[in-house]
Amino acid sequence: MPEQSHAVRNGIICASVTAASVLASWPFAEMGFVDDWSYVKTAFVFARTGHIVYNGWATAMLGWAIPWAALFIKLFGFSFTAVRLSTLPLAMLSVYLLHASLVRFGITARNAIVGALTLGLSPLFLPLAASYMTDIACLFCILLCLYLCQRALAAHSDRATILWLACAALTNIAGGTVRQIAWLGTLVMVPSTAWVLRRRAGVKRTACLLWIGSVLSVLACMRWFERQPYALPEKIAQGPVTGTMLGHMLAELLKVLLCLALVTFPILAAWIPILRSLNRSALTRIACILVAMGAASIVLGNRGSLEHRIMPWLGHVIGTLSIFSSTGEMLGSRPVTLTLPMRVGLSLVVMAAMLTLVEQMLAKPRRRNGSRAASLHEALWILGPFAISYVVFLLPRALYSVVYDRYLLGLMPLAVIMLLLVHQRWVAEQLPAVTVAALSLFALYAIAGTHDWFALNRARAAGVAQIHASGVPATSIQGGFDYDGWTQIEAAGYINDVRLRTPANSYHVNLSPLQLSEQCRLNFAEYTPAIHPKYFVVFEPMTCLAPSKYPPVTYRTWLPPFQRMIYIQQAPNISN
């Protein structure tokens, strides 16, 4: 009992540290954040009417996250901040559940804390925890399913085992409505757990019934979603496959592996000290593989600069934390904190740690005597099929488009669990001090980067407010991707996406962006025909636009350069 109470206390501490870190970043800005402007609008409509109404951008079903956010709207009134606040409890629960799962896998108290905080303080997790994106809610559903499956494994009676399995399946069926990939819990993780428990009376029969019920429920939900006006269900097969596309897919999968190593680096760093004990042939192999991986990323990758072939490898969240100079959200290039040489160096460190782990495993190390880690066989059976299925569902994105780093959030806890099990089983009972140092650096960067992202958005909102104050309508202002999305659905009711099928003939070709020169065309402009911009909020003065009467907006950041500006320009064919 004392050990169990300590585990609960440590889990609460990890969840509280995560929440404090999110709030410390001051994540307040009354405008969209990545894609959440679309989901916020759906939540607002539901709070007002009781109906789920899509607006041409959501490929996730959203499900229970909509009434959950509507509750916060009822309590605090409508604002972007109130809706985003609904994500914070889910982020805290996710960290708590990961800690609880680590303890149940036999991970020591100190290692479990490091593992949980590796997720909670990650530069991938923390910005999303401050948003109303569906990734955190999806992760919560996956971790809840894992925890309930572990309870089934630990149950002392056949009846309790069946009840825990049923609870895992049923909660995941409901939970997966927020983001369809979460349904891999009931479709894969629960059957995998049942296979481990197959010798218990009634488990096989119950598992079969649960799986059939899960498949039927998932098909019914997907069928409902496909028929909703302005919903965007994604198809797995999107067209023919060519050899070039297969090469692109392999490059994306390599980036997935490397980015997953990056986000779990605070634990992976435990293998850095082992480099000193490797023999010369192992060190030579590591050096050769580093060169080969660098060459492969260049050969298999799309045409482009070196910037996108080194850490963080995948775009969308981590790269926006003052790493990528251009993210497509606004015109122009932003200042960066991590320079190209710094990123190359960090990339080499991450890959070296990963290859050291591989070398150690190939050396067939002996299992440590007295290791408390749970059976790797059991962990692999529960987590392995789920991980493989998850990657399979990433393949269409890797084949036809690109994989975003936030898609790895569902794999990150599994990687944390396996790394800790391997280290505790074959290296040492406790993680070395270098892991705490790496975790601290990652946490500080995540907090500062999240703060700076919201500081930028507050500056953008202030810039648009300047223009509004002089009587210019919202539809005459281009504020950037996540600002314009809200303007479009407020003005027209939906995003003009070529993938729209319901209602028929919703999509209309938008040629208005062609009136601007190519370097001044925001990629998102074709989706927003309601916006006819006369004024533009940009990262830097654009030669294809004209100066305006509005002064730049200055804002301060926690990452260098500490003082930054955004600019307001106007179309070259209008006068002040």
Foldseek 3Di string as FASTA:
>chain_A
DVVVVVLLVLLLVLLVVLLVLLVLLVQDFQFADFPCLQVLVQLVVCLVPVDRAGFQDDQALQAPLSVLLSVQCVVPNDTQQSSLVSLSVLLSLLLSLLLVLLVLQQADPQLSSLLSLLLSLFLLRSLVSSHSDLLSLLSSLLSVLSSLLSQLVVDPALVSNLVSLLVSLVSQLNSCSSGVLSLCSLQPLSVLSLVVVVVHPPSVVSSVVSNVVSVVSSVVSVVVQVQHASHFHDDLDDDDFDPLLVLLLVLQVLLLVLLLLVSSVLLLVLLVVVVVVDDPVLVVVLVVVVVVLLVSNVVSHDDDDCLCSFPPVFDDRSCLLQRFQDDLFFFDGAHHQQDPVNRVVVRSSSSSSVSSVVVVVVVVADWDPPQSGHDPVSLCSNVVRSVVVLVVSCSSCSRPHHDHSSSCSNVNSSVSSVSSSCCSTGPHSDRDPSSVVVSVVSSVSSSQSSSVSSQVSNQLVVQVVVVVVVPDDPLQEASTDRRLQSVQCVQPVHWQDPSGPPPHPSHDFACLLVVFPPSNRRPSVRRRNSHNYFKGKHQDDDPSFAADPDAWGWTAGPGPVGIGTIGMTGHPPDDD
